[in-house]
C-alpha atoms as a PDB file:
ATOM      1  CA  MET A   1     -68.602 372.850-197.473  1.00  0.00           C
ATOM      2  CA  PRO A   2     -70.697 371.582-194.718  1.00  0.00           C
ATOM      3  CA  ARG A   3     -73.706 371.220-197.088  1.00  0.00           C
ATOM      4  CA  ARG A   4     -71.635 369.517-199.682  1.00  0.00           C
ATOM      5  CA  ALA A   5     -70.393 367.096-197.100  1.00  0.00           C
ATOM      6  CA  GLU A   6     -74.036 366.412-196.010  1.00  0.00           C
ATOM      7  CA  LYS A   7     -75.016 365.963-199.671  1.00  0.00           C
ATOM      8  CA  ARG A   8     -72.134 363.456-200.169  1.00  0.00           C
ATOM      9  CA  LYS A   9     -72.914 361.631-197.076  1.00  0.00           C
ATOM     10  CA  PHE A  10     -76.664 361.446-198.107  1.00  0.00           C
ATOM     11  CA  MET A  11     -75.729 360.201-201.525  1.00  0.00           C
ATOM     12  CA  HIS A  12     -73.421 357.497-200.011  1.00  0.00           C
ATOM     13  CA  HIS A  13     -76.345 356.026-197.980  1.00  0.00           C
ATOM     14  CA  LEU A  14     -78.922 356.584-200.730  1.00  0.00           C
ATOM     15  CA  PRO A  15     -78.459 353.027-202.311  1.00  0.00           C
ATOM     16  CA  ALA A  16     -78.809 351.335-198.958  1.00  0.00           C
ATOM     17  CA  LEU A  17     -81.903 353.438-198.283  1.00  0.00           C
ATOM     18  CA  MET A  18     -83.482 352.594-201.599  1.00  0.00           C
ATOM     19  CA  VAL A  19     -83.002 348.819-200.947  1.00  0.00           C
ATOM     20  CA  MET A  20     -84.645 349.175-197.477  1.00  0.00           C
ATOM     21  CA  LEU A  21     -87.563 351.090-198.857  1.00  0.00           C
ATOM     22  CA  THR A  22     -87.888 348.596-201.758  1.00  0.00           C
ATOM     23  CA  ILE A  23     -87.887 345.745-199.229  1.00  0.00           C
ATOM     24  CA  CYS A  24     -90.484 347.430-197.192  1.00  0.00           C
ATOM     25  CA  ALA A  25     -92.602 348.199-199.973  1.00  0.00           C
ATOM     26  CA  PHE A  26     -92.516 344.385-201.046  1.00  0.00           C
ATOM     27  CA  THR A  27     -93.111 343.100-197.662  1.00  0.00           C
ATOM     28  CA  CYS A  28     -96.120 345.405-197.032  1.00  0.00           C
ATOM     29  CA  GLU A  29     -97.652 344.558-200.514  1.00  0.00           C
ATOM     30  CA  ALA A  30     -97.162 340.775-199.943  1.00  0.00           C
ATOM     31  CA  ARG A  31     -97.850 340.476-196.331  1.00  0.00           C
ATOM     32  CA  ALA A  32    -101.614 339.981-196.898  1.00  0.00           C
ATOM     33  CA  GLY A  33    -100.922 337.006-199.138  1.00  0.00           C
ATOM     34  CA  SER A  34     -97.527 335.763-197.600  1.00  0.00           C
ATOM     35  CA  VAL A  35     -99.118 332.452-196.409  1.00  0.00           C
ATOM     36  CA  LEU A  36    -100.763 331.612-199.618  1.00  0.00           C
ATOM     37  CA  ALA A  37     -97.707 332.598-201.570  1.00  0.00           C
ATOM     38  CA  GLY A  38     -95.474 330.478-199.473  1.00  0.00           C
ATOM     39  CA  ILE A  39     -97.940 327.435-199.910  1.00  0.00           C
ATOM     40  CA  ARG A  40     -97.911 327.868-203.755  1.00  0.00           C
ATOM     41  CA  ALA A  41     -94.144 328.199-203.846  1.00  0.00           C
ATOM     42  CA  ARG A  42     -93.783 325.092-201.502  1.00  0.00           C
ATOM     43  CA  GLY A  43     -96.610 323.013-203.318  1.00  0.00           C
ATOM     44  CA  THR A  44     -98.298 321.855-199.985  1.00  0.00           C
ATOM     45  CA  VAL A  45    -100.640 322.974-197.316  1.00  0.00           C
ATOM     46  CA  ARG A  46     -99.168 322.165-193.835  1.00  0.00           C
ATOM     47  CA  CYS A  47    -101.867 321.239-191.235  1.00  0.00           C
ATOM     48  CA  GLY A  48    -101.441 319.885-187.730  1.00  0.00           C
ATOM     49  CA  SER A  49    -103.432 318.844-184.554  1.00  0.00           C
ATOM     50  CA  VAL A  50    -103.291 316.498-181.833  1.00  0.00           C
ATOM     51  CA  GLU A  51    -104.055 312.898-182.295  1.00  0.00           C
ATOM     52  CA  ARG A  52    -107.827 311.943-182.026  1.00  0.00           C
ATOM     53  CA  PRO A  53    -109.611 308.854-183.387  1.00  0.00           C
ATOM     54  CA  GLY A  54    -111.473 309.675-186.456  1.00  0.00           C
ATOM     55  CA  LEU A  55    -110.331 313.204-186.574  1.00  0.00           C
ATOM     56  CA  ALA A  56    -106.626 312.704-187.079  1.00  0.00           C
ATOM     57  CA  GLY A  57    -104.468 309.560-186.569  1.00  0.00           C
ATOM     58  CA  ALA A  58    -101.887 307.301-188.102  1.00  0.00           C
ATOM     59  CA  SER A  59    -103.321 304.894-190.599  1.00  0.00           C
ATOM     60  CA  GLY A  60    -100.401 302.843-191.630  1.00  0.00           C
ATOM     61  CA  GLN A  61     -97.381 303.493-193.842  1.00  0.00           C
ATOM     62  CA  GLY A  62     -96.767 306.920-192.438  1.00  0.00           C
ATOM     63  CA  ARG A  63    -100.113 308.268-193.439  1.00  0.00           C
ATOM     64  CA  VAL A  64    -102.510 310.296-191.428  1.00  0.00           C
ATOM     65  CA  SER A  65    -106.297 310.365-191.874  1.00  0.00           C
ATOM     66  CA  GLY A  66    -109.460 311.487-190.412  1.00  0.00           C
ATOM     67  CA  LEU A  67    -111.976 314.378-190.476  1.00  0.00           C
ATOM     68  CA  ASN A  68    -109.368 317.135-189.794  1.00  0.00           C
ATOM     69  CA  VAL A  69    -107.263 315.686-192.465  1.00  0.00           C
ATOM     70  CA  ASP A  70    -109.954 315.656-195.004  1.00  0.00           C
ATOM     71  CA  VAL A  71    -110.652 319.288-194.161  1.00  0.00           C
ATOM     72  CA  CYS A  72    -106.863 320.148-194.742  1.00  0.00           C
ATOM     73  CA  ARG A  73    -107.354 318.301-198.102  1.00  0.00           C
ATOM     74  CA  ALA A  74    -110.303 320.359-198.850  1.00  0.00           C
ATOM     75  CA  VAL A  75    -108.096 323.612-198.372  1.00  0.00           C
ATOM     76  CA  ALA A  76    -105.402 322.166-200.526  1.00  0.00           C
ATOM     77  CA  ALA A  77    -107.970 321.420-203.364  1.00  0.00           C
ATOM     78  CA  ALA A  78    -109.077 325.027-203.130  1.00  0.00           C
ATOM     79  CA  VAL A  79    -105.683 326.690-203.314  1.00  0.00           C
ATOM     80  CA  LEU A  80    -103.534 324.170-205.156  1.00  0.00           C
ATOM     81  CA  GLY A  81    -106.098 322.292-207.177  1.00  0.00           C
ATOM     82  CA  SER A  82    -105.334 318.915-205.608  1.00  0.00           C
ATOM     83  CA  PRO A  83    -106.419 317.442-202.106  1.00  0.00           C
ATOM     84  CA  ASP A  84    -103.222 315.310-202.042  1.00  0.00           C
ATOM     85  CA  ARG A  85    -100.954 318.190-201.723  1.00  0.00           C
ATOM     86  CA  ILE A  86    -100.722 318.323-197.993  1.00  0.00           C
ATOM     87  CA  GLU A  87     -98.387 317.651-195.044  1.00  0.00           C
ATOM     88  CA  TYR A  88     -99.999 316.676-191.833  1.00  0.00           C
ATOM     89  CA  ARG A  89     -98.286 316.703-188.387  1.00  0.00           C
ATOM     90  CA  LEU A  90     -99.511 315.160-185.130  1.00  0.00           C
ATOM     91  CA  TYR A  91     -98.780 317.153-181.850  1.00  0.00           C
ATOM     92  CA  ARG A  92     -97.778 314.549-179.353  1.00  0.00           C
ATOM     93  CA  THR A  93     -95.609 316.545-177.086  1.00  0.00           C
ATOM     94  CA  PRO A  94     -95.674 320.022-175.931  1.00  0.00           C
ATOM     95  CA  LYS A  95     -92.690 320.789-178.174  1.00  0.00           C
ATOM     96  CA  ASP A  96     -94.584 319.740-181.132  1.00  0.00           C
ATOM     97  CA  PHE A  97     -96.756 322.951-180.556  1.00  0.00           C
ATOM     98  CA  ASP A  98     -93.750 324.901-181.701  1.00  0.00           C
ATOM     99  CA  ALA A  99     -95.082 324.297-185.118  1.00  0.00           C
ATOM    100  CA  VAL A 100     -97.920 326.635-184.191  1.00  0.00           C
ATOM    101  CA  ARG A 101     -95.714 329.241-182.284  1.00  0.00           C
ATOM    102  CA  LEU A 102     -93.218 329.427-185.103  1.00  0.00           C
ATOM    103  CA  GLY A 103     -95.637 329.282-187.861  1.00  0.00           C
ATOM    104  CA  ARG A 104     -94.247 325.952-189.282  1.00  0.00           C
ATOM    105  CA  ASP A 105     -97.806 324.874-190.280  1.00  0.00           C
ATOM    106  CA  ASP A 106    -100.467 326.756-192.034  1.00  0.00           C
ATOM    107  CA  LEU A 107    -103.653 325.426-190.483  1.00  0.00           C
ATOM    108  CA  PHE A 108    -104.242 324.095-186.942  1.00  0.00           C
ATOM    109  CA  PHE A 109    -107.209 322.019-185.620  1.00  0.00           C
ATOM    110  CA  LEU A 110    -107.298 322.841-181.855  1.00  0.00           C
ATOM    111  CA  THR A 111    -109.705 323.016-178.907  1.00  0.00           C
ATOM    112  CA  GLY A 112    -109.930 325.863-176.420  1.00  0.00           C
ATOM    113  CA  SER A 113    -108.121 324.079-173.747  1.00  0.00           C
ATOM    114  CA  GLU A 114    -105.285 323.189-176.045  1.00  0.00           C
ATOM    115  CA  ILE A 115    -104.929 326.878-176.973  1.00  0.00           C
ATOM    116  CA  ARG A 116    -105.035 327.859-173.361  1.00  0.00           C
ATOM    117  CA  GLU A 117    -102.663 325.229-172.003  1.00  0.00           C
ATOM    118  CA  GLU A 118     -99.979 325.910-174.741  1.00  0.00           C
ATOM    119  CA  ARG A 119    -100.580 329.719-174.414  1.00  0.00           C
ATOM    120  CA  LEU A 120    -101.386 330.109-178.105  1.00  0.00           C
ATOM    121  CA  ALA A 121    -104.070 332.713-177.907  1.00  0.00           C
ATOM    122  CA  GLY A 122    -101.956 335.591-179.128  1.00  0.00           C
ATOM    123  CA  LYS A 123    -100.708 333.408-181.927  1.00  0.00           C
ATOM    124  CA  LEU A 124    -103.971 332.374-183.325  1.00  0.00           C
ATOM    125  CA  LEU A 125    -107.083 333.596-185.048  1.00  0.00           C
ATOM    126  CA  PRO A 126    -109.910 331.076-183.993  1.00  0.00           C
ATOM    127  CA  GLY A 127    -111.860 330.033-187.058  1.00  0.00           C
ATOM    128  CA  PRO A 128    -115.017 328.012-187.684  1.00  0.00           C
ATOM    129  CA  ALA A 129    -115.776 324.690-185.715  1.00  0.00           C
ATOM    130  CA  VAL A 130    -114.942 321.561-187.808  1.00  0.00           C
ATOM    131  CA  PHE A 131    -116.135 319.279-185.098  1.00  0.00           C
ATOM    132  CA  VAL A 132    -117.979 319.171-181.783  1.00  0.00           C
ATOM    133  CA  GLU A 133    -116.205 316.811-179.412  1.00  0.00           C
ATOM    134  CA  SER A 134    -117.690 315.751-176.168  1.00  0.00           C
ATOM    135  CA  ASP A 135    -116.756 314.071-172.869  1.00  0.00           C
ATOM    136  CA  ALA A 136    -118.893 311.037-172.563  1.00  0.00           C
ATOM    137  CA  VAL A 137    -119.271 307.886-170.412  1.00  0.00           C
ATOM    138  CA  LEU A 138    -119.051 304.363-171.496  1.00  0.00           C
ATOM    139  CA  VAL A 139    -120.969 301.684-169.427  1.00  0.00           C
ATOM    140  CA  PRO A 140    -121.608 297.782-169.925  1.00  0.00           C
ATOM    141  CA  THR A 141    -124.632 296.976-172.034  1.00  0.00           C
ATOM    142  CA  GLY A 142    -126.164 295.249-169.070  1.00  0.00           C
ATOM    143  CA  SER A 143    -125.738 298.289-166.721  1.00  0.00           C
ATOM    144  CA  ALA A 144    -128.775 299.769-165.175  1.00  0.00           C
ATOM    145  CA  ALA A 145    -127.560 303.302-165.788  1.00  0.00           C
ATOM    146  CA  ARG A 146    -129.432 305.300-168.377  1.00  0.00           C
ATOM    147  CA  ARG A 147    -127.983 308.569-167.607  1.00  0.00           C
ATOM    148  CA  VAL A 148    -124.535 309.709-166.136  1.00  0.00           C
ATOM    149  CA  GLY A 149    -126.206 310.671-162.907  1.00  0.00           C
ATOM    150  CA  ASP A 150    -127.431 307.060-162.376  1.00  0.00           C
ATOM    151  CA  LEU A 151    -123.701 306.156-161.739  1.00  0.00           C
ATOM    152  CA  ALA A 152    -123.764 307.959-158.314  1.00  0.00           C
ATOM    153  CA  GLY A 153    -121.925 305.880-155.868  1.00  0.00           C
ATOM    154  CA  ASP A 154    -120.181 303.788-158.620  1.00  0.00           C
ATOM    155  CA  GLY A 155    -116.528 303.696-159.761  1.00  0.00           C
ATOM    156  CA  ILE A 156    -115.763 305.631-162.716  1.00  0.00           C
ATOM    157  CA  CYS A 157    -112.329 305.270-164.629  1.00  0.00           C
ATOM    158  CA  PHE A 158    -110.662 308.358-166.138  1.00  0.00           C
ATOM    159  CA  MET A 159    -107.227 309.724-167.138  1.00  0.00           C
ATOM    160  CA  ILE A 160    -105.587 311.963-164.663  1.00  0.00           C
ATOM    161  CA  GLY A 161    -105.694 315.580-165.556  1.00  0.00           C
ATOM    162  CA  SER A 162    -108.091 315.034-168.516  1.00  0.00           C
ATOM    163  CA  SER A 163    -111.035 317.195-169.313  1.00  0.00           C
ATOM    164  CA  ALA A 164    -113.104 314.103-168.443  1.00  0.00           C
ATOM    165  CA  GLU A 165    -111.819 314.315-164.947  1.00  0.00           C
ATOM    166  CA  ARG A 166    -112.751 317.933-164.732  1.00  0.00           C
ATOM    167  CA  SER A 167    -116.177 317.238-166.408  1.00  0.00           C
ATOM    168  CA  LEU A 168    -116.943 314.434-163.877  1.00  0.00           C
ATOM    169  CA  GLU A 169    -116.152 316.672-160.961  1.00  0.00           C
ATOM    170  CA  ALA A 170    -118.533 319.504-162.089  1.00  0.00           C
ATOM    171  CA  TYR A 171    -121.283 317.140-163.126  1.00  0.00           C
ATOM    172  CA  PHE A 172    -121.498 315.332-159.905  1.00  0.00           C
ATOM    173  CA  GLU A 173    -120.895 318.508-157.775  1.00  0.00           C
ATOM    174  CA  THR A 174    -123.836 319.968-159.573  1.00  0.00           C
ATOM    175  CA  LEU A 175    -126.080 316.984-158.761  1.00  0.00           C
ATOM    176  CA  ARG A 176    -124.643 316.988-155.193  1.00  0.00           C
ATOM    177  CA  LYS A 177    -123.902 313.311-155.655  1.00  0.00           C
ATOM    178  CA  VAL A 178    -120.934 311.315-154.666  1.00  0.00           C
ATOM    179  CA  TRP A 179    -119.004 309.055-157.164  1.00  0.00           C
ATOM    180  CA  LEU A 180    -115.925 306.782-156.714  1.00  0.00           C
ATOM    181  CA  ARG A 181    -112.737 308.216-158.552  1.00  0.00           C
ATOM    182  CA  ARG A 182    -110.691 305.630-160.273  1.00  0.00           C
ATOM    183  CA  ALA A 183    -107.725 307.687-161.893  1.00  0.00           C
ATOM    184  CA  PHE A 184    -105.159 306.298-164.277  1.00  0.00           C
ATOM    185  CA  SER A 185    -102.114 307.513-166.022  1.00  0.00           C
ATOM    186  CA  GLU A 186    -101.891 304.833-168.725  1.00  0.00           C
ATOM    187  CA  TYR A 187    -104.804 304.089-171.219  1.00  0.00           C
ATOM    188  CA  GLY A 188    -103.923 300.424-171.280  1.00  0.00           C
ATOM    189  CA  GLU A 189    -104.224 300.066-167.491  1.00  0.00           C
ATOM    190  CA  MET A 190    -107.521 302.040-167.521  1.00  0.00           C
ATOM    191  CA  ASN A 191    -109.158 300.059-170.323  1.00  0.00           C
ATOM    192  CA  ASP A 192    -108.196 296.793-168.676  1.00  0.00           C
ATOM    193  CA  ALA A 193    -109.609 297.913-165.353  1.00  0.00           C
ATOM    194  CA  TYR A 194    -113.008 298.729-167.040  1.00  0.00           C
ATOM    195  CA  ASN A 195    -112.830 295.600-169.038  1.00  0.00           C
ATOM    196  CA  ALA A 196    -112.484 293.658-165.752  1.00  0.00           C
ATOM    197  CA  GLN A 197    -115.133 295.838-164.178  1.00  0.00           C
ATOM    198  CA  SER A 198    -112.799 297.117-161.456  1.00  0.00           C
ATOM    199  CA  CYS A 199    -114.773 300.175-162.331  1.00  0.00           C
ATOM    200  CA  HIS A 200    -118.453 300.539-163.455  1.00  0.00           C
ATOM    201  CA  ALA A 201    -117.865 303.041-166.252  1.00  0.00           C
ATOM    202  CA  LEU A 202    -115.235 304.661-168.377  1.00  0.00           C
ATOM    203  CA  ALA A 203    -115.191 308.395-169.027  1.00  0.00           C
ATOM    204  CA  GLY A 204    -113.233 310.157-171.846  1.00  0.00           C
ATOM    205  CA  GLU A 205    -113.677 311.936-175.066  1.00  0.00           C
ATOM    206  CA  LEU A 206    -116.426 310.609-177.221  1.00  0.00           C
ATOM    207  CA  THR A 207    -114.085 309.730-180.181  1.00  0.00           C
ATOM    208  CA  ALA A 208    -111.737 307.791-177.888  1.00  0.00           C
ATOM    209  CA  LEU A 209    -114.628 305.733-176.594  1.00  0.00           C
ATOM    210  CA  ALA A 210    -116.606 305.174-179.872  1.00  0.00           C
ATOM    211  CA  ALA A 211    -114.492 302.283-181.266  1.00  0.00           C
ATOM    212  CA  PRO A 212    -113.627 300.472-177.921  1.00  0.00           C
ATOM    213  CA  ARG A 213    -117.348 300.124-177.263  1.00  0.00           C
ATOM    214  CA  PHE A 214    -117.232 297.442-179.962  1.00  0.00           C
ATOM    215  CA  ASP A 215    -114.303 295.622-178.580  1.00  0.00           C
ATOM    216  CA  PRO A 216    -115.378 293.035-175.922  1.00  0.00           C
ATOM    217  CA  GLY A 217    -111.868 292.277-174.757  1.00  0.00           C
ATOM    218  CA  VAL A 218    -110.922 289.178-173.106  1.00  0.00           C
ATOM    219  CA  ASN A 219    -114.125 289.335-170.754  1.00  0.00           C
ATOM    220  CA  ARG A 220    -116.394 289.648-173.613  1.00  0.00           C
ATOM    221  CA  LEU A 221    -117.715 292.894-172.201  1.00  0.00           C
ATOM    222  CA  ALA A 222    -120.161 294.460-174.478  1.00  0.00           C
ATOM    223  CA  SER A 223    -120.666 298.294-173.963  1.00  0.00           C
ATOM    224  CA  ARG A 224    -122.829 301.291-174.927  1.00  0.00           C
ATOM    225  CA  LEU A 225    -122.437 305.006-174.702  1.00  0.00           C
ATOM    226  CA  LEU A 226    -124.604 306.938-172.294  1.00  0.00           C
ATOM    227  CA  PRO A 227    -126.595 309.526-174.255  1.00  0.00           C
ATOM    228  CA  ASP A 228    -125.977 312.739-172.270  1.00  0.00           C
ATOM    229  CA  PRO A 229    -122.427 314.188-172.657  1.00  0.00           C
ATOM    230  CA  LEU A 230    -120.672 315.521-169.684  1.00  0.00           C
ATOM    231  CA  VAL A 231    -119.567 318.569-171.632  1.00  0.00           C
ATOM    232  CA  SER A 232    -119.331 319.557-175.495  1.00  0.00           C
ATOM    233  CA  PHE A 233    -116.628 321.645-177.019  1.00  0.00           C
ATOM    234  CA  PRO A 234    -115.558 322.605-180.475  1.00  0.00           C
ATOM    235  CA  VAL A 235    -112.452 321.804-182.492  1.00  0.00           C
ATOM    236  CA  LEU A 236    -111.511 324.895-184.309  1.00  0.00           C
ATOM    237  CA  ALA A 237    -109.826 325.472-187.662  1.00  0.00           C
ATOM    238  CA  ALA A 238    -107.282 328.016-186.422  1.00  0.00           C
ATOM    239  CA  THR A 239    -104.895 330.067-188.422  1.00  0.00           C
ATOM    240  CA  GLY A 240    -102.041 332.444-187.505  1.00  0.00           C
ATOM    241  CA  THR A 241    -102.756 336.101-186.709  1.00  0.00           C
ATOM    242  CA  GLY A 242    -100.609 337.713-189.379  1.00  0.00           C
ATOM    243  CA  ASP A 243    -102.517 336.873-192.537  1.00  0.00           C
ATOM    244  CA  ALA A 244    -106.185 337.767-192.836  1.00  0.00           C
ATOM    245  CA  GLN A 245    -106.226 336.639-196.471  1.00  0.00           C
ATOM    246  CA  TRP A 246    -105.301 333.108-195.531  1.00  0.00           C
ATOM    247  CA  SER A 247    -107.679 332.941-192.562  1.00  0.00           C
ATOM    248  CA  ALA A 248    -110.589 334.083-194.913  1.00  0.00           C
ATOM    249  CA  VAL A 249    -109.690 331.289-197.406  1.00  0.00           C
ATOM    250  CA  VAL A 250    -109.693 328.603-194.691  1.00  0.00           C
ATOM    251  CA  ALA A 251    -112.865 329.748-193.079  1.00  0.00           C
ATOM    252  CA  TRP A 252    -114.762 329.909-196.563  1.00  0.00           C
ATOM    253  CA  THR A 253    -113.523 326.524-197.321  1.00  0.00           C
ATOM    254  CA  VAL A 254    -115.000 324.916-194.035  1.00  0.00           C
ATOM    255  CA  HIS A 255    -118.254 327.023-194.690  1.00  0.00           C
ATOM    256  CA  THR A 256    -118.461 325.634-198.081  1.00  0.00           C
ATOM    257  CA  LEU A 257    -118.232 322.063-196.766  1.00  0.00           C
ATOM    258  CA  VAL A 258    -120.992 322.736-194.285  1.00  0.00           C
ATOM    259  CA  SER A 259    -123.269 324.964-196.329  1.00  0.00           C
ATOM    260  CA  SER A 260    -123.203 322.399-199.096  1.00  0.00           C
ATOM    261  CA  GLU A 261    -125.344 320.160-197.121  1.00  0.00           C
ATOM    262  CA  ARG A 262    -128.145 322.609-197.084  1.00  0.00           C
ATOM    263  CA  PRO A 263    -130.956 320.845-199.265  1.00  0.00           C
ATOM    264  CA  GLU A 264    -131.962 322.551-202.426  1.00  0.00           C
ATOM    265  CA  ALA A 265    -135.549 323.954-202.656  1.00  0.00           C
ATOM    266  CA  ARG A 266    -137.688 325.991-205.055  1.00  0.00           C
ATOM    267  CA  TRP A 267    -137.005 329.171-203.137  1.00  0.00           C
ATOM    268  CA  TYR A 268    -133.276 328.801-202.407  1.00  0.00           C
ATOM    269  CA  ALA A 269    -130.230 327.118-203.688  1.00  0.00           C
ATOM    270  CA  GLY A 270    -128.501 324.279-201.995  1.00  0.00           C
ATOM    271  CA  ALA A 271    -125.286 322.176-202.410  1.00  0.00           C
ATOM    272  CA  ALA A 272    -122.466 324.253-203.968  1.00  0.00           C
ATOM    273  CA  GLY A 273    -124.902 327.141-204.613  1.00  0.00           C
ATOM    274  CA  ALA A 274    -125.995 327.468-200.865  1.00  0.00           C
ATOM    275  CA  MET A 275    -123.257 330.013-200.568  1.00  0.00           C
ATOM    276  CA  PRO A 276    -121.272 330.856-203.688  1.00  0.00           C
ATOM    277  CA  ILE A 277    -117.972 332.555-203.014  1.00  0.00           C
ATOM    278  CA  GLU A 278    -116.482 334.550-205.927  1.00  0.00           C
ATOM    279  CA  ALA A 279    -113.396 336.277-204.385  1.00  0.00           C
ATOM    280  CA  PRO A 280    -110.441 336.703-206.750  1.00  0.00           C
ATOM    281  CA  GLU A 281    -108.850 338.986-204.299  1.00  0.00           C
ATOM    282  CA  LEU A 282    -108.307 335.895-202.037  1.00  0.00           C
ATOM    283  CA  GLY A 283    -106.557 334.079-204.880  1.00  0.00           C
ATOM    284  CA  LEU A 284    -109.432 331.751-205.410  1.00  0.00           C
ATOM    285  CA  ASP A 285    -110.681 331.054-208.950  1.00  0.00           C
ATOM    286  CA  GLN A 286    -114.223 330.758-210.199  1.00  0.00           C
ATOM    287  CA  ASP A 287    -114.405 326.928-209.906  1.00  0.00           C
ATOM    288  CA  TRP A 288    -112.856 326.567-206.528  1.00  0.00           C
ATOM    289  CA  GLN A 289    -115.863 325.497-204.388  1.00  0.00           C
ATOM    290  CA  ARG A 290    -117.016 322.751-207.011  1.00  0.00           C
ATOM    291  CA  ARG A 291    -113.378 321.557-207.014  1.00  0.00           C
ATOM    292  CA  VAL A 292    -113.382 321.270-203.192  1.00  0.00           C
ATOM    293  CA  LEU A 293    -116.739 319.324-203.124  1.00  0.00           C
ATOM    294  CA  ALA A 294    -115.583 317.024-205.926  1.00  0.00           C
ATOM    295  CA  ALA A 295    -112.486 316.269-204.094  1.00  0.00           C
ATOM    296  CA  VAL A 296    -113.678 315.656-200.574  1.00  0.00           C
ATOM    297  CA  GLY A 297    -117.509 315.738-200.726  1.00  0.00           C
ATOM    298  CA  SER A 298    -119.704 317.797-198.309  1.00  0.00           C
ATOM    299  CA  TYR A 299    -119.042 317.929-194.543  1.00  0.00           C
ATOM    300  CA  GLY A 300    -121.706 315.130-194.157  1.00  0.00           C
ATOM    301  CA  ALA A 301    -119.720 312.896-196.438  1.00  0.00           C
ATOM    302  CA  ILE A 302    -116.508 313.610-194.757  1.00  0.00           C
ATOM    303  CA  PHE A 303    -118.123 312.799-191.425  1.00  0.00           C
ATOM    304  CA  GLU A 304    -119.668 309.514-192.614  1.00  0.00           C
ATOM    305  CA  ARG A 305    -116.410 308.047-193.908  1.00  0.00           C
ATOM    306  CA  ASN A 306    -114.374 309.071-190.818  1.00  0.00           C
ATOM    307  CA  LEU A 307    -116.740 308.740-187.932  1.00  0.00           C
ATOM    308  CA  GLY A 308    -120.175 307.551-189.116  1.00  0.00           C
ATOM    309  CA  ALA A 309    -121.648 304.466-190.548  1.00  0.00           C
ATOM    310  CA  GLY A 310    -118.737 303.934-193.131  1.00  0.00           C
ATOM    311  CA  SER A 311    -116.156 303.982-190.210  1.00  0.00           C
ATOM    312  CA  PRO A 312    -115.207 301.795-187.262  1.00  0.00           C
ATOM    313  CA  PHE A 313    -116.653 304.421-184.714  1.00  0.00           C
ATOM    314  CA  ARG A 314    -120.334 304.339-186.078  1.00  0.00           C
ATOM    315  CA  LEU A 315    -121.295 307.715-184.422  1.00  0.00           C
ATOM    316  CA  GLU A 316    -124.487 309.486-185.053  1.00  0.00           C
ATOM    317  CA  ARG A 317    -124.121 313.034-186.484  1.00  0.00           C
ATOM    318  CA  GLY A 318    -125.769 314.627-183.370  1.00  0.00           C
ATOM    319  CA  PRO A 319    -124.440 318.206-182.942  1.00  0.00           C
ATOM    320  CA  ASN A 320    -122.006 317.631-185.886  1.00  0.00           C
ATOM    321  CA  ALA A 321    -124.858 318.069-188.119  1.00  0.00           C
ATOM    322  CA  SER A 322    -125.756 321.328-190.079  1.00  0.00           C
ATOM    323  CA  HIS A 323    -128.319 323.520-188.216  1.00  0.00           C
ATOM    324  CA  SER A 324    -130.607 322.897-191.342  1.00  0.00           C
ATOM    325  CA  LEU A 325    -130.372 319.149-190.351  1.00  0.00           C
ATOM    326  CA  GLY A 326    -130.811 319.606-186.581  1.00  0.00           C
ATOM    327  CA  GLY A 327    -127.092 320.063-185.550  1.00  0.00           C
ATOM    328  CA  VAL A 328    -125.380 323.023-184.302  1.00  0.00           C
ATOM    329  CA  LEU A 329    -122.902 323.623-187.156  1.00  0.00           C
ATOM    330  CA  VAL A 330    -123.891 326.941-188.648  1.00  0.00           C
ATOM    331  CA  SER A 331    -122.367 328.553-191.874  1.00  0.00           C
ATOM    332  CA  PRO A 332    -123.536 331.402-193.886  1.00  0.00           C
ATOM    333  CA  PHE A 333    -125.895 330.713-196.860  1.00  0.00           C
ATOM    334  CA  LEU A 334    -128.050 332.700-199.201  1.00  0.00           C
ATOM    335  CA  GLU A 335    -131.179 333.530-197.353  1.00  0.00           C
END
């Protein structure tokens, strides 16, 4: 009787056990492709970042544009066949970063400081750099300063708590020189103070200073950027830690954009052939790289229209050129 009772009890729970095993098997099998499967079911790639001029910013009618946005579009072209099937979220408050913590977005463009300050390191796999940002200094065209160190003893405007403040402190401490701190909590007030020359220079992220240097303001103050950055740091294409397949898709897409700038020569391939990726196990078809480049262009084309000569910022490529063109962006290629 005890054995029969145990058997009946086991048979009673067998259907539930089978359901649990089925769910487990399905989950384990689908886990590697869960993000991509969700994207294809939804029909859009969800990306997000803080707002940075030329990288991601509102461009009217609720649209967001910039270099980060175009990288997001490239990923959508790779996995959905169209660069327009994206949703882009701007992280303007600490709570907006819940999109990272809770996995509401699929791809995040973040700096090391943002990851650290929001305690996201355990949630993210840091992928390739999509842009090298810098803290820079803006001075009037007529200023005698040719390097940041020439501003010793001068007043420099900056935002309280910004990376520019930390960079200035470290820079002048290294030189053992004194500078006058002009701290602000509002961008408008800071820009007005600089325009009125209440401070001799303005420090901030390069992308934030690029366009204002062409705006003379009410005092007709022409400006230029000093050539030496205070510090340079990457903006990373990051993904969640739970799906290696999706992280690989994003990384290979960014590498395709960068490596495609490699010039073609007799002894090695360039453009789309610089690093051909045939990876059906990642859910990518044979023509995905050519589709990406046809949709958004190479990294150089993306940079030029968002930050270069074809944009209001008119920045030089500098470190944001491929290593083959003298920059620091490095992607795999066929040696």
